Amino acid sequence: MTPPSISDLTFEQALAELQSIVQELESGDGSLDESLARYERGMILAQRCNDLLDKAELRVRELRPTGEEVDFSGPLNSRA
């Protein structure tokens, strides 16, 4: 079965798949070729997540009356 196109994934879907790939890679199961393919897809998924987060950040700035940045005071474990 072919995985869905990354450009069609929501942030939550991309993040869930990325987390699954990380677990698979950490387990060490599979051949080198399989691991490389997972790693490659994982890197593309990570970029998708970052792109979606950047778009969300831009949207939030657009919604603020003055467009200024506001210091983030929430948990920092969601994005490095």
PDB file of N, CA and C in Angstrom:
ATOM      1  N   MET A   1       0.850  -1.188   0.000  1.00  0.00           N
ATOM      2  CA  MET A   1       0.000   0.000   0.000  1.00  0.00           C
ATOM      3  C   MET A   1       0.888   1.241   0.000  1.00  0.00           C
ATOM      4  N   THR A   2       0.597   2.173  -0.872  1.00  0.00           N
ATOM      5  CA  THR A   2       1.363   3.405  -0.981  1.00  0.00           C
ATOM      6  C   THR A   2       0.923   4.384   0.101  1.00  0.00           C
ATOM      7  N   PRO A   3       1.898   4.977   0.827  1.00  0.00           N
ATOM      8  CA  PRO A   3       1.526   5.972   1.835  1.00  0.00           C
ATOM      9  C   PRO A   3       0.893   7.189   1.172  1.00  0.00           C
ATOM     10  N   PRO A   4       0.048   7.911   1.900  1.00  0.00           N
ATOM     11  CA  PRO A   4      -0.583   9.100   1.321  1.00  0.00           C
ATOM     12  C   PRO A   4       0.460  10.166   0.991  1.00  0.00           C
ATOM     13  N   SER A   5       0.124  11.014   0.053  1.00  0.00           N
ATOM     14  CA  SER A   5       1.004  12.113  -0.312  1.00  0.00           C
ATOM     15  C   SER A   5       1.194  13.027   0.895  1.00  0.00           C
ATOM     16  N   ILE A   6       2.414  13.382   1.150  1.00  0.00           N
ATOM     17  CA  ILE A   6       2.715  14.211   2.317  1.00  0.00           C
ATOM     18  C   ILE A   6       2.033  15.568   2.221  1.00  0.00           C
ATOM     19  N   SER A   7       1.918  16.102   1.027  1.00  0.00           N
ATOM     20  CA  SER A   7       1.290  17.420   0.867  1.00  0.00           C
ATOM     21  C   SER A   7      -0.201  17.404   1.191  1.00  0.00           C
ATOM     22  N   ASP A   8      -0.795  16.217   1.268  1.00  0.00           N
ATOM     23  CA  ASP A   8      -2.215  16.103   1.612  1.00  0.00           C
ATOM     24  C   ASP A   8      -2.454  15.897   3.107  1.00  0.00           C
ATOM     25  N   LEU A   9      -1.388  15.703   3.876  1.00  0.00           N
ATOM     26  CA  LEU A   9      -1.535  15.415   5.305  1.00  0.00           C
ATOM     27  C   LEU A   9      -1.752  16.681   6.114  1.00  0.00           C
ATOM     28  N   THR A  10      -2.606  16.574   7.116  1.00  0.00           N
ATOM     29  CA  THR A  10      -2.743  17.655   8.090  1.00  0.00           C
ATOM     30  C   THR A  10      -1.525  17.624   9.003  1.00  0.00           C
ATOM     31  N   PHE A  11      -1.364  18.657   9.808  1.00  0.00           N
ATOM     32  CA  PHE A  11      -0.259  18.683  10.763  1.00  0.00           C
ATOM     33  C   PHE A  11      -0.315  17.470  11.679  1.00  0.00           C
ATOM     34  N   GLU A  12      -1.502  17.188  12.190  1.00  0.00           N
ATOM     35  CA  GLU A  12      -1.647  16.082  13.138  1.00  0.00           C
ATOM     36  C   GLU A  12      -1.317  14.733  12.487  1.00  0.00           C
ATOM     37  N   GLN A  13      -1.737  14.552  11.251  1.00  0.00           N
ATOM     38  CA  GLN A  13      -1.442  13.303  10.544  1.00  0.00           C
ATOM     39  C   GLN A  13       0.055  13.167  10.277  1.00  0.00           C
ATOM     40  N   ALA A  14       0.671  14.245   9.831  1.00  0.00           N
ATOM     41  CA  ALA A  14       2.110  14.222   9.544  1.00  0.00           C
ATOM     42  C   ALA A  14       2.912  13.961  10.813  1.00  0.00           C
ATOM     43  N   LEU A  15       2.530  14.602  11.899  1.00  0.00           N
ATOM     44  CA  LEU A  15       3.238  14.416  13.163  1.00  0.00           C
ATOM     45  C   LEU A  15       3.086  12.989  13.674  1.00  0.00           C
ATOM     46  N   ALA A  16       1.889  12.432  13.574  1.00  0.00           N
ATOM     47  CA  ALA A  16       1.666  11.055  14.028  1.00  0.00           C
ATOM     48  C   ALA A  16       2.502  10.078  13.208  1.00  0.00           C
ATOM     49  N   GLU A  17       2.543  10.280  11.904  1.00  0.00           N
ATOM     50  CA  GLU A  17       3.350   9.385  11.062  1.00  0.00           C
ATOM     51  C   GLU A  17       4.829   9.555  11.376  1.00  0.00           C
ATOM     52  N   LEU A  18       5.265  10.781  11.591  1.00  0.00           N
ATOM     53  CA  LEU A  18       6.663  11.040  11.939  1.00  0.00           C
ATOM     54  C   LEU A  18       7.031  10.340  13.242  1.00  0.00           C
ATOM     55  N   GLN A  19       6.163  10.429  14.234  1.00  0.00           N
ATOM     56  CA  GLN A  19       6.419   9.761  15.512  1.00  0.00           C
ATOM     57  C   GLN A  19       6.502   8.248  15.326  1.00  0.00           C
ATOM     58  N   SER A  20       5.660   7.702  14.473  1.00  0.00           N
ATOM     59  CA  SER A  20       5.686   6.271  14.191  1.00  0.00           C
ATOM     60  C   SER A  20       7.005   5.873  13.521  1.00  0.00           C
ATOM     61  N   ILE A  21       7.455   6.672  12.586  1.00  0.00           N
ATOM     62  CA  ILE A  21       8.716   6.399  11.898  1.00  0.00           C
ATOM     63  C   ILE A  21       9.882   6.440  12.880  1.00  0.00           C
ATOM     64  N   VAL A  22       9.883   7.411  13.764  1.00  0.00           N
ATOM     65  CA  VAL A  22      10.954   7.507  14.764  1.00  0.00           C
ATOM     66  C   VAL A  22      10.994   6.249  15.615  1.00  0.00           C
ATOM     67  N   GLN A  23       9.835   5.787  16.052  1.00  0.00           N
ATOM     68  CA  GLN A  23       9.781   4.555  16.856  1.00  0.00           C
ATOM     69  C   GLN A  23      10.308   3.362  16.068  1.00  0.00           C
ATOM     70  N   GLU A  24       9.935   3.263  14.790  1.00  0.00           N
ATOM     71  CA  GLU A  24      10.407   2.163  13.953  1.00  0.00           C
ATOM     72  C   GLU A  24      11.924   2.212  13.784  1.00  0.00           C
ATOM     73  N   LEU A  25      12.451   3.408  13.559  1.00  0.00           N
ATOM     74  CA  LEU A  25      13.898   3.548  13.398  1.00  0.00           C
ATOM     75  C   LEU A  25      14.636   3.236  14.696  1.00  0.00           C
ATOM     76  N   GLU A  26      14.074   3.669  15.811  1.00  0.00           N
ATOM     77  CA  GLU A  26      14.704   3.399  17.100  1.00  0.00           C
ATOM     78  C   GLU A  26      14.709   1.912  17.440  1.00  0.00           C
ATOM     79  N   SER A  27      13.730   1.167  16.925  1.00  0.00           N
ATOM     80  CA  SER A  27      13.665  -0.268  17.220  1.00  0.00           C
ATOM     81  C   SER A  27      14.783  -1.022  16.509  1.00  0.00           C
ATOM     82  N   GLY A  28      15.288  -0.463  15.417  1.00  0.00           N
ATOM     83  CA  GLY A  28      16.371  -1.103  14.692  1.00  0.00           C
ATOM     84  C   GLY A  28      15.941  -2.254  13.815  1.00  0.00           C
ATOM     85  N   ASP A  29      14.644  -2.470  13.692  1.00  0.00           N
ATOM     86  CA  ASP A  29      14.147  -3.539  12.831  1.00  0.00           C
ATOM     87  C   ASP A  29      14.199  -3.106  11.372  1.00  0.00           C
ATOM     88  N   GLY A  30      14.330  -4.061  10.484  1.00  0.00           N
ATOM     89  CA  GLY A  30      14.310  -3.775   9.061  1.00  0.00           C
ATOM     90  C   GLY A  30      15.708  -3.665   8.492  1.00  0.00           C
ATOM     91  N   SER A  31      15.743  -3.680   7.186  1.00  0.00           N
ATOM     92  CA  SER A  31      17.016  -3.606   6.472  1.00  0.00           C
ATOM     93  C   SER A  31      17.516  -2.161   6.409  1.00  0.00           C
ATOM     94  N   LEU A  32      18.728  -2.024   5.951  1.00  0.00           N
ATOM     95  CA  LEU A  32      19.295  -0.693   5.780  1.00  0.00           C
ATOM     96  C   LEU A  32      18.487   0.115   4.768  1.00  0.00           C
ATOM     97  N   ASP A  33      18.102  -0.525   3.666  1.00  0.00           N
ATOM     98  CA  ASP A  33      17.308   0.180   2.650  1.00  0.00           C
ATOM     99  C   ASP A  33      15.964   0.638   3.206  1.00  0.00           C
ATOM    100  N   GLU A  34      15.317  -0.208   3.997  1.00  0.00           N
ATOM    101  CA  GLU A  34      14.035   0.164   4.608  1.00  0.00           C
ATOM    102  C   GLU A  34      14.226   1.326   5.579  1.00  0.00           C
ATOM    103  N   SER A  35      15.282   1.260   6.356  1.00  0.00           N
ATOM    104  CA  SER A  35      15.562   2.327   7.322  1.00  0.00           C
ATOM    105  C   SER A  35      15.842   3.647   6.615  1.00  0.00           C
ATOM    106  N   LEU A  36      16.593   3.591   5.528  1.00  0.00           N
ATOM    107  CA  LEU A  36      16.877   4.818   4.771  1.00  0.00           C
ATOM    108  C   LEU A  36      15.608   5.408   4.172  1.00  0.00           C
ATOM    109  N   ALA A  37      14.731   4.552   3.662  1.00  0.00           N
ATOM    110  CA  ALA A  37      13.462   5.032   3.100  1.00  0.00           C
ATOM    111  C   ALA A  37      12.608   5.668   4.196  1.00  0.00           C
ATOM    112  N   ARG A  38      12.579   5.050   5.374  1.00  0.00           N
ATOM    113  CA  ARG A  38      11.826   5.634   6.497  1.00  0.00           C
ATOM    114  C   ARG A  38      12.417   6.969   6.896  1.00  0.00           C
ATOM    115  N   TYR A  39      13.750   7.008   6.988  1.00  0.00           N
ATOM    116  CA  TYR A  39      14.419   8.247   7.376  1.00  0.00           C
ATOM    117  C   TYR A  39      14.100   9.366   6.382  1.00  0.00           C
ATOM    118  N   GLU A  40      14.170   9.036   5.099  1.00  0.00           N
ATOM    119  CA  GLU A  40      13.881  10.033   4.067  1.00  0.00           C
ATOM    120  C   GLU A  40      12.447  10.557   4.194  1.00  0.00           C
ATOM    121  N   ARG A  41      11.494   9.661   4.358  1.00  0.00           N
ATOM    122  CA  ARG A  41      10.100  10.092   4.521  1.00  0.00           C
ATOM    123  C   ARG A  41       9.953  10.904   5.800  1.00  0.00           C
ATOM    124  N   GLY A  42      10.637  10.489   6.860  1.00  0.00           N
ATOM    125  CA  GLY A  42      10.579  11.224   8.120  1.00  0.00           C
ATOM    126  C   GLY A  42      11.085  12.654   7.980  1.00  0.00           C
ATOM    127  N   MET A  43      12.162  12.836   7.222  1.00  0.00           N
ATOM    128  CA  MET A  43      12.690  14.185   7.019  1.00  0.00           C
ATOM    129  C   MET A  43      11.694  15.049   6.241  1.00  0.00           C
ATOM    130  N   ILE A  44      11.040  14.454   5.261  1.00  0.00           N
ATOM    131  CA  ILE A  44      10.034  15.197   4.489  1.00  0.00           C
ATOM    132  C   ILE A  44       8.822  15.518   5.366  1.00  0.00           C
ATOM    133  N   LEU A  45       8.440  14.569   6.224  1.00  0.00           N
ATOM    134  CA  LEU A  45       7.327  14.818   7.154  1.00  0.00           C
ATOM    135  C   LEU A  45       7.677  15.934   8.138  1.00  0.00           C
ATOM    136  N   ALA A  46       8.906  15.924   8.632  1.00  0.00           N
ATOM    137  CA  ALA A  46       9.338  16.974   9.566  1.00  0.00           C
ATOM    138  C   ALA A  46       9.266  18.341   8.889  1.00  0.00           C
ATOM    139  N   GLN A  47       9.676  18.407   7.624  1.00  0.00           N
ATOM    140  CA  GLN A  47       9.590  19.664   6.887  1.00  0.00           C
ATOM    141  C   GLN A  47       8.141  20.083   6.702  1.00  0.00           C
ATOM    142  N   ARG A  48       7.261  19.128   6.422  1.00  0.00           N
ATOM    143  CA  ARG A  48       5.822  19.420   6.283  1.00  0.00           C
ATOM    144  C   ARG A  48       5.277  20.016   7.584  1.00  0.00           C
ATOM    145  N   CYS A  49       5.636  19.391   8.703  1.00  0.00           N
ATOM    146  CA  CYS A  49       5.176  19.901  10.001  1.00  0.00           C
ATOM    147  C   CYS A  49       5.681  21.320  10.234  1.00  0.00           C
ATOM    148  N   ASN A  50       6.958  21.564   9.953  1.00  0.00           N
ATOM    149  CA  ASN A  50       7.518  22.904  10.139  1.00  0.00           C
ATOM    150  C   ASN A  50       6.838  23.923   9.232  1.00  0.00           C
ATOM    151  N   ASP A  51       6.577  23.533   7.989  1.00  0.00           N
ATOM    152  CA  ASP A  51       5.897  24.445   7.069  1.00  0.00           C
ATOM    153  C   ASP A  51       4.497  24.800   7.575  1.00  0.00           C
ATOM    154  N   LEU A  52       3.776  23.804   8.056  1.00  0.00           N
ATOM    155  CA  LEU A  52       2.422  24.057   8.572  1.00  0.00           C
ATOM    156  C   LEU A  52       2.456  24.919   9.827  1.00  0.00           C
ATOM    157  N   LEU A  53       3.448  24.696  10.687  1.00  0.00           N
ATOM    158  CA  LEU A  53       3.586  25.542  11.882  1.00  0.00           C
ATOM    159  C   LEU A  53       3.921  26.980  11.494  1.00  0.00           C
ATOM    160  N   ASP A  54       4.793  27.142  10.503  1.00  0.00           N
ATOM    161  CA  ASP A  54       5.133  28.493  10.045  1.00  0.00           C
ATOM    162  C   ASP A  54       3.907  29.209   9.483  1.00  0.00           C
ATOM    163  N   LYS A  55       3.085  28.486   8.721  1.00  0.00           N
ATOM    164  CA  LYS A  55       1.857  29.082   8.179  1.00  0.00           C
ATOM    165  C   LYS A  55       0.893  29.467   9.290  1.00  0.00           C
ATOM    166  N   ALA A  56       0.801  28.630  10.311  1.00  0.00           N
ATOM    167  CA  ALA A  56      -0.081  28.933  11.443  1.00  0.00           C
ATOM    168  C   ALA A  56       0.425  30.168  12.187  1.00  0.00           C
ATOM    169  N   GLU A  57       1.737  30.255  12.370  1.00  0.00           N
ATOM    170  CA  GLU A  57       2.311  31.411  13.051  1.00  0.00           C
ATOM    171  C   GLU A  57       2.035  32.689  12.262  1.00  0.00           C
ATOM    172  N   LEU A  58       2.201  32.619  10.958  1.00  0.00           N
ATOM    173  CA  LEU A  58       1.921  33.780  10.118  1.00  0.00           C
ATOM    174  C   LEU A  58       0.459  34.186  10.220  1.00  0.00           C
ATOM    175  N   ARG A  59      -0.423  33.197  10.223  1.00  0.00           N
ATOM    176  CA  ARG A  59      -1.868  33.479  10.326  1.00  0.00           C
ATOM    177  C   ARG A  59      -2.197  34.163  11.650  1.00  0.00           C
ATOM    178  N   VAL A  60      -1.575  33.704  12.732  1.00  0.00           N
ATOM    179  CA  VAL A  60      -1.808  34.317  14.042  1.00  0.00           C
ATOM    180  C   VAL A  60      -1.333  35.766  14.028  1.00  0.00           C
ATOM    181  N   ARG A  61      -0.178  36.002  13.412  1.00  0.00           N
ATOM    182  CA  ARG A  61       0.315  37.383  13.326  1.00  0.00           C
ATOM    183  C   ARG A  61      -0.647  38.262  12.520  1.00  0.00           C
ATOM    184  N   GLU A  62      -1.197  37.695  11.455  1.00  0.00           N
ATOM    185  CA  GLU A  62      -2.137  38.458  10.637  1.00  0.00           C
ATOM    186  C   GLU A  62      -3.402  38.805  11.418  1.00  0.00           C
ATOM    187  N   LEU A  63      -3.776  37.931  12.347  1.00  0.00           N
ATOM    188  CA  LEU A  63      -4.994  38.159  13.115  1.00  0.00           C
ATOM    189  C   LEU A  63      -4.787  39.172  14.243  1.00  0.00           C
ATOM    190  N   ARG A  64      -3.550  39.374  14.645  1.00  0.00           N
ATOM    191  CA  ARG A  64      -3.296  40.359  15.700  1.00  0.00           C
ATOM    192  C   ARG A  64      -3.457  41.747  15.112  1.00  0.00           C
ATOM    193  N   PRO A  65      -4.079  42.652  15.846  1.00  0.00           N
ATOM    194  CA  PRO A  65      -4.373  43.985  15.303  1.00  0.00           C
ATOM    195  C   PRO A  65      -3.144  44.722  14.781  1.00  0.00           C
ATOM    196  N   THR A  66      -2.023  44.622  15.474  1.00  0.00           N
ATOM    197  CA  THR A  66      -0.834  45.370  15.060  1.00  0.00           C
ATOM    198  C   THR A  66       0.184  44.492  14.351  1.00  0.00           C
ATOM    199  N   GLY A  67      -0.019  43.187  14.323  1.00  0.00           N
ATOM    200  CA  GLY A  67       0.898  42.283  13.658  1.00  0.00           C
ATOM    201  C   GLY A  67       2.185  42.025  14.412  1.00  0.00           C
ATOM    202  N   GLU A  68       2.275  42.539  15.638  1.00  0.00           N
ATOM    203  CA  GLU A  68       3.514  42.373  16.404  1.00  0.00           C
ATOM    204  C   GLU A  68       3.635  40.957  16.959  1.00  0.00           C
ATOM    205  N   GLU A  69       4.877  40.593  17.249  1.00  0.00           N
ATOM    206  CA  GLU A  69       5.113  39.302  17.869  1.00  0.00           C
ATOM    207  C   GLU A  69       4.790  39.396  19.352  1.00  0.00           C
ATOM    208  N   VAL A  70       4.352  38.285  19.899  1.00  0.00           N
ATOM    209  CA  VAL A  70       4.040  38.211  21.323  1.00  0.00           C
ATOM    210  C   VAL A  70       4.866  37.084  21.906  1.00  0.00           C
ATOM    211  N   ASP A  71       5.459  37.307  23.071  1.00  0.00           N
ATOM    212  CA  ASP A  71       6.249  36.261  23.713  1.00  0.00           C
ATOM    213  C   ASP A  71       5.361  35.054  24.003  1.00  0.00           C
ATOM    214  N   PHE A  72       5.888  33.889  23.696  1.00  0.00           N
ATOM    215  CA  PHE A  72       5.168  32.642  23.928  1.00  0.00           C
ATOM    216  C   PHE A  72       5.391  32.217  25.363  1.00  0.00           C
ATOM    217  N   SER A  73       4.300  31.883  26.069  1.00  0.00           N
ATOM    218  CA  SER A  73       4.425  31.487  27.473  1.00  0.00           C
ATOM    219  C   SER A  73       3.917  30.090  27.715  1.00  0.00           C
ATOM    220  N   GLY A  74       3.635  29.347  26.640  1.00  0.00           N
ATOM    221  CA  GLY A  74       3.121  27.980  26.776  1.00  0.00           C
ATOM    222  C   GLY A  74       4.236  26.963  26.905  1.00  0.00           C
ATOM    223  N   PRO A  75       3.903  25.673  26.852  1.00  0.00           N
ATOM    224  CA  PRO A  75       4.920  24.620  26.960  1.00  0.00           C
ATOM    225  C   PRO A  75       5.820  24.629  25.734  1.00  0.00           C
ATOM    226  N   LEU A  76       7.101  24.359  25.939  1.00  0.00           N
ATOM    227  CA  LEU A  76       8.058  24.399  24.846  1.00  0.00           C
ATOM    228  C   LEU A  76       8.364  23.024  24.271  1.00  0.00           C
ATOM    229  N   ASN A  77       7.657  21.999  24.713  1.00  0.00           N
ATOM    230  CA  ASN A  77       7.977  20.652  24.248  1.00  0.00           C
ATOM    231  C   ASN A  77       7.378  20.333  22.886  1.00  0.00           C
ATOM    232  N   SER A  78       6.654  21.244  22.276  1.00  0.00           N
ATOM    233  CA  SER A  78       5.997  20.943  21.009  1.00  0.00           C
ATOM    234  C   SER A  78       6.857  21.272  19.800  1.00  0.00           C
ATOM    235  N   ARG A  79       7.859  22.120  19.963  1.00  0.00           N
ATOM    236  CA  ARG A  79       8.695  22.508  18.817  1.00  0.00           C
ATOM    237  C   ARG A  79      10.041  22.985  19.312  1.00  0.00           C
ATOM    238  N   ALA A  80      11.089  22.502  18.699  1.00  0.00           N
ATOM    239  CA  ALA A  80      12.445  22.894  19.110  1.00  0.00           C
ATOM    240  C   ALA A  80      12.852  24.177  18.423  1.00  0.00           C
TER     241      ALA A  80
END
